[in-house]
Amino acid sequence: MGGSIMSIAIKLSDLLVEDAKPYAQAMHRSIPKQIEYWARLGKVAEENPDLPIHMLQDMLVSIEEVKAGNLNPYKFG
């Protein structure tokens, strides 16, 4: 994943956009960001078919925490 953001216009079905609305509102995301999240989650799920969805969601959150600098060293013992 590079540091740049590429923005392109794509056509999505009205049904997908309507399906995303309540999820976007509940998660305080824009509709495009909600659909982007679903796409990322789907990609991770395809790459890791043996892992449960909640674990994949936690992995995505962890990645964003690292990007935000929210790191705490683990202390053994």
PDB file of N, CA and C in Angstrom:
ATOM      1  N   MET A   1       0.840  -1.175   0.000  1.00  0.00           N
ATOM      2  CA  MET A   1       0.000   0.000   0.000  1.00  0.00           C
ATOM      3  C   MET A   1       0.883   1.236   0.000  1.00  0.00           C
ATOM      4  N   GLY A   2       0.760   2.045  -1.049  1.00  0.00           N
ATOM      5  CA  GLY A   2       1.559   3.238  -1.166  1.00  0.00           C
ATOM      6  C   GLY A   2       1.005   4.373  -0.330  1.00  0.00           C
ATOM      7  N   GLY A   3       1.742   5.461  -0.276  1.00  0.00           N
ATOM      8  CA  GLY A   3       1.336   6.600   0.502  1.00  0.00           C
ATOM      9  C   GLY A   3       0.391   7.523  -0.239  1.00  0.00           C
ATOM     10  N   SER A   4       0.284   7.362  -1.546  1.00  0.00           N
ATOM     11  CA  SER A   4      -0.584   8.247  -2.311  1.00  0.00           C
ATOM     12  C   SER A   4      -2.000   7.696  -2.383  1.00  0.00           C
ATOM     13  N   ILE A   5      -2.930   8.594  -2.618  1.00  0.00           N
ATOM     14  CA  ILE A   5      -4.331   8.214  -2.742  1.00  0.00           C
ATOM     15  C   ILE A   5      -4.751   8.491  -4.174  1.00  0.00           C
ATOM     16  N   MET A   6      -5.252   7.475  -4.857  1.00  0.00           N
ATOM     17  CA  MET A   6      -5.733   7.639  -6.209  1.00  0.00           C
ATOM     18  C   MET A   6      -7.249   7.681  -6.165  1.00  0.00           C
ATOM     19  N   SER A   7      -7.811   8.651  -6.803  1.00  0.00           N
ATOM     20  CA  SER A   7      -9.260   8.794  -6.835  1.00  0.00           C
ATOM     21  C   SER A   7      -9.735   8.621  -8.270  1.00  0.00           C
ATOM     22  N   ILE A   8     -10.654   7.684  -8.457  1.00  0.00           N
ATOM     23  CA  ILE A   8     -11.240   7.482  -9.782  1.00  0.00           C
ATOM     24  C   ILE A   8     -12.750   7.397  -9.629  1.00  0.00           C
ATOM     25  N   ALA A   9     -13.457   7.747 -10.655  1.00  0.00           N
ATOM     26  CA  ALA A   9     -14.915   7.641 -10.649  1.00  0.00           C
ATOM     27  C   ALA A   9     -15.303   6.251 -11.143  1.00  0.00           C
ATOM     28  N   ILE A  10     -16.190   5.594 -10.400  1.00  0.00           N
ATOM     29  CA  ILE A  10     -16.698   4.295 -10.826  1.00  0.00           C
ATOM     30  C   ILE A  10     -18.211   4.293 -10.699  1.00  0.00           C
ATOM     31  N   LYS A  11     -18.849   3.456 -11.497  1.00  0.00           N
ATOM     32  CA  LYS A  11     -20.296   3.317 -11.416  1.00  0.00           C
ATOM     33  C   LYS A  11     -20.628   2.156 -10.496  1.00  0.00           C
ATOM     34  N   LEU A  12     -21.529   2.403  -9.565  1.00  0.00           N
ATOM     35  CA  LEU A  12     -21.993   1.379  -8.641  1.00  0.00           C
ATOM     36  C   LEU A  12     -23.496   1.240  -8.799  1.00  0.00           C
ATOM     37  N   SER A  13     -23.982   0.059  -8.510  1.00  0.00           N
ATOM     38  CA  SER A  13     -25.423  -0.131  -8.617  1.00  0.00           C
ATOM     39  C   SER A  13     -26.140   0.670  -7.540  1.00  0.00           C
ATOM     40  N   ASP A  14     -27.348   1.106  -7.864  1.00  0.00           N
ATOM     41  CA  ASP A  14     -28.166   1.829  -6.889  1.00  0.00           C
ATOM     42  C   ASP A  14     -28.423   0.953  -5.666  1.00  0.00           C
ATOM     43  N   LEU A  15     -28.582  -0.345  -5.881  1.00  0.00           N
ATOM     44  CA  LEU A  15     -28.849  -1.260  -4.780  1.00  0.00           C
ATOM     45  C   LEU A  15     -27.675  -1.290  -3.795  1.00  0.00           C
ATOM     46  N   LEU A  16     -26.449  -1.345  -4.301  1.00  0.00           N
ATOM     47  CA  LEU A  16     -25.277  -1.349  -3.428  1.00  0.00           C
ATOM     48  C   LEU A  16     -25.204  -0.061  -2.622  1.00  0.00           C
ATOM     49  N   VAL A  17     -25.438   1.065  -3.275  1.00  0.00           N
ATOM     50  CA  VAL A  17     -25.396   2.355  -2.592  1.00  0.00           C
ATOM     51  C   VAL A  17     -26.475   2.414  -1.511  1.00  0.00           C
ATOM     52  N   GLU A  18     -27.677   1.948  -1.829  1.00  0.00           N
ATOM     53  CA  GLU A  18     -28.768   1.944  -0.842  1.00  0.00           C
ATOM     54  C   GLU A  18     -28.461   0.992   0.305  1.00  0.00           C
ATOM     55  N   ASP A  19     -27.879  -0.152   0.008  1.00  0.00           N
ATOM     56  CA  ASP A  19     -27.499  -1.098   1.058  1.00  0.00           C
ATOM     57  C   ASP A  19     -26.450  -0.503   1.994  1.00  0.00           C
ATOM     58  N   ALA A  20     -25.568   0.310   1.451  1.00  0.00           N
ATOM     59  CA  ALA A  20     -24.477   0.872   2.242  1.00  0.00           C
ATOM     60  C   ALA A  20     -24.925   2.001   3.159  1.00  0.00           C
ATOM     61  N   LYS A  21     -26.022   2.683   2.826  1.00  0.00           N
ATOM     62  CA  LYS A  21     -26.441   3.868   3.587  1.00  0.00           C
ATOM     63  C   LYS A  21     -26.598   3.613   5.086  1.00  0.00           C
ATOM     64  N   PRO A  22     -27.384   2.628   5.517  1.00  0.00           N
ATOM     65  CA  PRO A  22     -27.546   2.462   6.965  1.00  0.00           C
ATOM     66  C   PRO A  22     -26.252   2.053   7.669  1.00  0.00           C
ATOM     67  N   TYR A  23     -25.429   1.260   7.003  1.00  0.00           N
ATOM     68  CA  TYR A  23     -24.149   0.863   7.592  1.00  0.00           C
ATOM     69  C   TYR A  23     -23.235   2.079   7.718  1.00  0.00           C
ATOM     70  N   ALA A  24     -23.212   2.903   6.681  1.00  0.00           N
ATOM     71  CA  ALA A  24     -22.383   4.112   6.706  1.00  0.00           C
ATOM     72  C   ALA A  24     -22.810   5.030   7.845  1.00  0.00           C
ATOM     73  N   GLN A  25     -24.109   5.205   8.005  1.00  0.00           N
ATOM     74  CA  GLN A  25     -24.597   6.070   9.072  1.00  0.00           C
ATOM     75  C   GLN A  25     -24.246   5.496  10.442  1.00  0.00           C
ATOM     76  N   ALA A  26     -24.444   4.201  10.619  1.00  0.00           N
ATOM     77  CA  ALA A  26     -24.168   3.569  11.913  1.00  0.00           C
ATOM     78  C   ALA A  26     -22.690   3.620  12.271  1.00  0.00           C
ATOM     79  N   MET A  27     -21.828   3.543  11.268  1.00  0.00           N
ATOM     80  CA  MET A  27     -20.387   3.518  11.514  1.00  0.00           C
ATOM     81  C   MET A  27     -19.735   4.899  11.335  1.00  0.00           C
ATOM     82  N   HIS A  28     -20.562   5.941  11.110  1.00  0.00           N
ATOM     83  CA  HIS A  28     -20.075   7.315  10.944  1.00  0.00           C
ATOM     84  C   HIS A  28     -19.075   7.416   9.798  1.00  0.00           C
ATOM     85  N   ARG A  29     -19.440   6.751   8.680  1.00  0.00           N
ATOM     86  CA  ARG A  29     -18.622   6.815   7.467  1.00  0.00           C
ATOM     87  C   ARG A  29     -19.475   7.407   6.355  1.00  0.00           C
ATOM     88  N   SER A  30     -18.796   7.934   5.347  1.00  0.00           N
ATOM     89  CA  SER A  30     -19.514   8.320   4.139  1.00  0.00           C
ATOM     90  C   SER A  30     -19.889   7.033   3.403  1.00  0.00           C
ATOM     91  N   ILE A  31     -20.832   7.128   2.493  1.00  0.00           N
ATOM     92  CA  ILE A  31     -21.223   5.945   1.721  1.00  0.00           C
ATOM     93  C   ILE A  31     -20.037   5.413   0.904  1.00  0.00           C
ATOM     94  N   PRO A  32     -19.268   6.276   0.222  1.00  0.00           N
ATOM     95  CA  PRO A  32     -18.097   5.740  -0.495  1.00  0.00           C
ATOM     96  C   PRO A  32     -17.086   5.061   0.430  1.00  0.00           C
ATOM     97  N   LYS A  33     -16.875   5.623   1.617  1.00  0.00           N
ATOM     98  CA  LYS A  33     -15.937   5.001   2.555  1.00  0.00           C
ATOM     99  C   LYS A  33     -16.476   3.663   3.059  1.00  0.00           C
ATOM    100  N   GLN A  34     -17.789   3.548   3.233  1.00  0.00           N
ATOM    101  CA  GLN A  34     -18.376   2.280   3.657  1.00  0.00           C
ATOM    102  C   GLN A  34     -18.163   1.220   2.587  1.00  0.00           C
ATOM    103  N   ILE A  35     -18.400   1.573   1.335  1.00  0.00           N
ATOM    104  CA  ILE A  35     -18.212   0.624   0.235  1.00  0.00           C
ATOM    105  C   ILE A  35     -16.738   0.260   0.096  1.00  0.00           C
ATOM    106  N   GLU A  36     -15.857   1.236   0.286  1.00  0.00           N
ATOM    107  CA  GLU A  36     -14.414   0.960   0.266  1.00  0.00           C
ATOM    108  C   GLU A  36     -14.048  -0.015   1.383  1.00  0.00           C
ATOM    109  N   TYR A  37     -14.620   0.168   2.574  1.00  0.00           N
ATOM    110  CA  TYR A  37     -14.366  -0.742   3.692  1.00  0.00           C
ATOM    111  C   TYR A  37     -14.815  -2.159   3.334  1.00  0.00           C
ATOM    112  N   TRP A  38     -16.016  -2.282   2.773  1.00  0.00           N
ATOM    113  CA  TRP A  38     -16.501  -3.605   2.372  1.00  0.00           C
ATOM    114  C   TRP A  38     -15.554  -4.238   1.353  1.00  0.00           C
ATOM    115  N   ALA A  39     -15.049  -3.453   0.422  1.00  0.00           N
ATOM    116  CA  ALA A  39     -14.131  -3.976  -0.595  1.00  0.00           C
ATOM    117  C   ALA A  39     -12.833  -4.461   0.055  1.00  0.00           C
ATOM    118  N   ARG A  40     -12.285  -3.669   0.984  1.00  0.00           N
ATOM    119  CA  ARG A  40     -11.056  -4.077   1.676  1.00  0.00           C
ATOM    120  C   ARG A  40     -11.287  -5.344   2.488  1.00  0.00           C
ATOM    121  N   LEU A  41     -12.427  -5.401   3.194  1.00  0.00           N
ATOM    122  CA  LEU A  41     -12.742  -6.574   3.998  1.00  0.00           C
ATOM    123  C   LEU A  41     -12.912  -7.804   3.104  1.00  0.00           C
ATOM    124  N   GLY A  42     -13.563  -7.647   1.975  1.00  0.00           N
ATOM    125  CA  GLY A  42     -13.728  -8.755   1.033  1.00  0.00           C
ATOM    126  C   GLY A  42     -12.394  -9.246   0.498  1.00  0.00           C
ATOM    127  N   LYS A  43     -11.493  -8.324   0.209  1.00  0.00           N
ATOM    128  CA  LYS A  43     -10.159  -8.695  -0.275  1.00  0.00           C
ATOM    129  C   LYS A  43      -9.411  -9.494   0.787  1.00  0.00           C
ATOM    130  N   VAL A  44      -9.440  -8.992   2.022  1.00  0.00           N
ATOM    131  CA  VAL A  44      -8.757  -9.687   3.114  1.00  0.00           C
ATOM    132  C   VAL A  44      -9.389 -11.058   3.346  1.00  0.00           C
ATOM    133  N   ALA A  45     -10.715 -11.151   3.234  1.00  0.00           N
ATOM    134  CA  ALA A  45     -11.399 -12.433   3.421  1.00  0.00           C
ATOM    135  C   ALA A  45     -10.989 -13.439   2.344  1.00  0.00           C
ATOM    136  N   GLU A  46     -10.873 -12.987   1.107  1.00  0.00           N
ATOM    137  CA  GLU A  46     -10.439 -13.887   0.035  1.00  0.00           C
ATOM    138  C   GLU A  46      -8.995 -14.345   0.235  1.00  0.00           C
ATOM    139  N   GLU A  47      -8.161 -13.452   0.761  1.00  0.00           N
ATOM    140  CA  GLU A  47      -6.760 -13.793   0.987  1.00  0.00           C
ATOM    141  C   GLU A  47      -6.562 -14.698   2.208  1.00  0.00           C
ATOM    142  N   ASN A  48      -7.542 -14.709   3.108  1.00  0.00           N
ATOM    143  CA  ASN A  48      -7.449 -15.479   4.357  1.00  0.00           C
ATOM    144  C   ASN A  48      -8.746 -16.244   4.602  1.00  0.00           C
ATOM    145  N   PRO A  49      -9.088 -17.199   3.742  1.00  0.00           N
ATOM    146  CA  PRO A  49     -10.395 -17.851   3.830  1.00  0.00           C
ATOM    147  C   PRO A  49     -10.624 -18.670   5.100  1.00  0.00           C
ATOM    148  N   ASP A  50      -9.574 -19.010   5.803  1.00  0.00           N
ATOM    149  CA  ASP A  50      -9.729 -19.836   7.001  1.00  0.00           C
ATOM    150  C   ASP A  50      -9.947 -19.020   8.276  1.00  0.00           C
ATOM    151  N   LEU A  51      -9.840 -17.692   8.190  1.00  0.00           N
ATOM    152  CA  LEU A  51      -9.987 -16.861   9.381  1.00  0.00           C
ATOM    153  C   LEU A  51     -11.421 -16.351   9.508  1.00  0.00           C
ATOM    154  N   PRO A  52     -11.929 -16.269  10.734  1.00  0.00           N
ATOM    155  CA  PRO A  52     -13.287 -15.739  10.931  1.00  0.00           C
ATOM    156  C   PRO A  52     -13.340 -14.239  10.623  1.00  0.00           C
ATOM    157  N   ILE A  53     -14.502 -13.786  10.191  1.00  0.00           N
ATOM    158  CA  ILE A  53     -14.675 -12.398   9.768  1.00  0.00           C
ATOM    159  C   ILE A  53     -14.329 -11.421  10.881  1.00  0.00           C
ATOM    160  N   HIS A  54     -14.688 -11.725  12.129  1.00  0.00           N
ATOM    161  CA  HIS A  54     -14.390 -10.782  13.217  1.00  0.00           C
ATOM    162  C   HIS A  54     -12.886 -10.608  13.396  1.00  0.00           C
ATOM    163  N   MET A  55     -12.110 -11.648  13.155  1.00  0.00           N
ATOM    164  CA  MET A  55     -10.660 -11.539  13.250  1.00  0.00           C
ATOM    165  C   MET A  55     -10.117 -10.654  12.123  1.00  0.00           C
ATOM    166  N   LEU A  56     -10.689 -10.798  10.943  1.00  0.00           N
ATOM    167  CA  LEU A  56     -10.262  -9.972   9.819  1.00  0.00           C
ATOM    168  C   LEU A  56     -10.604  -8.505  10.071  1.00  0.00           C
ATOM    169  N   GLN A  57     -11.770  -8.250  10.642  1.00  0.00           N
ATOM    170  CA  GLN A  57     -12.150  -6.877  10.979  1.00  0.00           C
ATOM    171  C   GLN A  57     -11.182  -6.295  12.006  1.00  0.00           C
ATOM    172  N   ASP A  58     -10.825  -7.085  13.008  1.00  0.00           N
ATOM    173  CA  ASP A  58      -9.862  -6.633  14.017  1.00  0.00           C
ATOM    174  C   ASP A  58      -8.504  -6.335  13.383  1.00  0.00           C
ATOM    175  N   MET A  59      -8.109  -7.134  12.395  1.00  0.00           N
ATOM    176  CA  MET A  59      -6.842  -6.893  11.709  1.00  0.00           C
ATOM    177  C   MET A  59      -6.865  -5.547  10.983  1.00  0.00           C
ATOM    178  N   LEU A  60      -7.977  -5.241  10.313  1.00  0.00           N
ATOM    179  CA  LEU A  60      -8.089  -3.960   9.612  1.00  0.00           C
ATOM    180  C   LEU A  60      -8.017  -2.794  10.599  1.00  0.00           C
ATOM    181  N   VAL A  61      -8.664  -2.932  11.745  1.00  0.00           N
ATOM    182  CA  VAL A  61      -8.605  -1.890  12.769  1.00  0.00           C
ATOM    183  C   VAL A  61      -7.173  -1.734  13.268  1.00  0.00           C
ATOM    184  N   SER A  62      -6.493  -2.846  13.506  1.00  0.00           N
ATOM    185  CA  SER A  62      -5.113  -2.800  13.990  1.00  0.00           C
ATOM    186  C   SER A  62      -4.194  -2.090  13.006  1.00  0.00           C
ATOM    187  N   ILE A  63      -4.382  -2.345  11.731  1.00  0.00           N
ATOM    188  CA  ILE A  63      -3.572  -1.678  10.700  1.00  0.00           C
ATOM    189  C   ILE A  63      -3.765  -0.171  10.785  1.00  0.00           C
ATOM    190  N   GLU A  64      -5.015   0.270  10.948  1.00  0.00           N
ATOM    191  CA  GLU A  64      -5.293   1.703  11.027  1.00  0.00           C
ATOM    192  C   GLU A  64      -4.731   2.301  12.317  1.00  0.00           C
ATOM    193  N   GLU A  65      -4.738   1.532  13.402  1.00  0.00           N
ATOM    194  CA  GLU A  65      -4.152   2.011  14.654  1.00  0.00           C
ATOM    195  C   GLU A  65      -2.646   2.226  14.501  1.00  0.00           C
ATOM    196  N   VAL A  66      -1.979   1.317  13.821  1.00  0.00           N
ATOM    197  CA  VAL A  66      -0.543   1.462  13.579  1.00  0.00           C
ATOM    198  C   VAL A  66      -0.286   2.701  12.724  1.00  0.00           C
ATOM    199  N   LYS A  67      -1.085   2.884  11.676  1.00  0.00           N
ATOM    200  CA  LYS A  67      -0.918   4.069  10.818  1.00  0.00           C
ATOM    201  C   LYS A  67      -1.095   5.358  11.613  1.00  0.00           C
ATOM    202  N   ALA A  68      -1.994   5.328  12.603  1.00  0.00           N
ATOM    203  CA  ALA A  68      -2.261   6.510  13.420  1.00  0.00           C
ATOM    204  C   ALA A  68      -1.236   6.699  14.533  1.00  0.00           C
ATOM    205  N   GLY A  69      -0.319   5.748  14.675  1.00  0.00           N
ATOM    206  CA  GLY A  69       0.718   5.852  15.689  1.00  0.00           C
ATOM    207  C   GLY A  69       0.275   5.388  17.065  1.00  0.00           C
ATOM    208  N   ASN A  70      -0.834   4.679  17.145  1.00  0.00           N
ATOM    209  CA  ASN A  70      -1.331   4.166  18.425  1.00  0.00           C
ATOM    210  C   ASN A  70      -0.662   2.828  18.730  1.00  0.00           C
ATOM    211  N   LEU A  71       0.580   2.919  19.179  1.00  0.00           N
ATOM    212  CA  LEU A  71       1.354   1.709  19.464  1.00  0.00           C
ATOM    213  C   LEU A  71       1.712   1.663  20.943  1.00  0.00           C
ATOM    214  N   ASN A  72       1.496   0.524  21.537  1.00  0.00           N
ATOM    215  CA  ASN A  72       1.916   0.300  22.916  1.00  0.00           C
ATOM    216  C   ASN A  72       2.733  -0.977  22.950  1.00  0.00           C
ATOM    217  N   PRO A  73       3.962  -0.904  23.460  1.00  0.00           N
ATOM    218  CA  PRO A  73       4.771  -2.119  23.511  1.00  0.00           C
ATOM    219  C   PRO A  73       4.154  -3.150  24.460  1.00  0.00           C
ATOM    220  N   TYR A  74       4.232  -4.390  24.065  1.00  0.00           N
ATOM    221  CA  TYR A  74       3.718  -5.471  24.909  1.00  0.00           C
ATOM    222  C   TYR A  74       4.771  -5.811  25.943  1.00  0.00           C
ATOM    223  N   LYS A  75       4.324  -5.925  27.199  1.00  0.00           N
ATOM    224  CA  LYS A  75       5.258  -6.268  28.274  1.00  0.00           C
ATOM    225  C   LYS A  75       4.987  -7.700  28.714  1.00  0.00           C
ATOM    226  N   PHE A  76       6.012  -8.530  28.581  1.00  0.00           N
ATOM    227  CA  PHE A  76       5.895  -9.940  28.980  1.00  0.00           C
ATOM    228  C   PHE A  76       6.055 -10.046  30.489  1.00  0.00           C
ATOM    229  N   GLY A  77       5.285 -10.984  31.069  1.00  0.00           N
ATOM    230  CA  GLY A  77       5.440 -11.309  32.482  1.00  0.00           C
ATOM    231  C   GLY A  77       4.867 -10.326  33.357  1.00  0.00           C
TER     232      GLY A  77
END
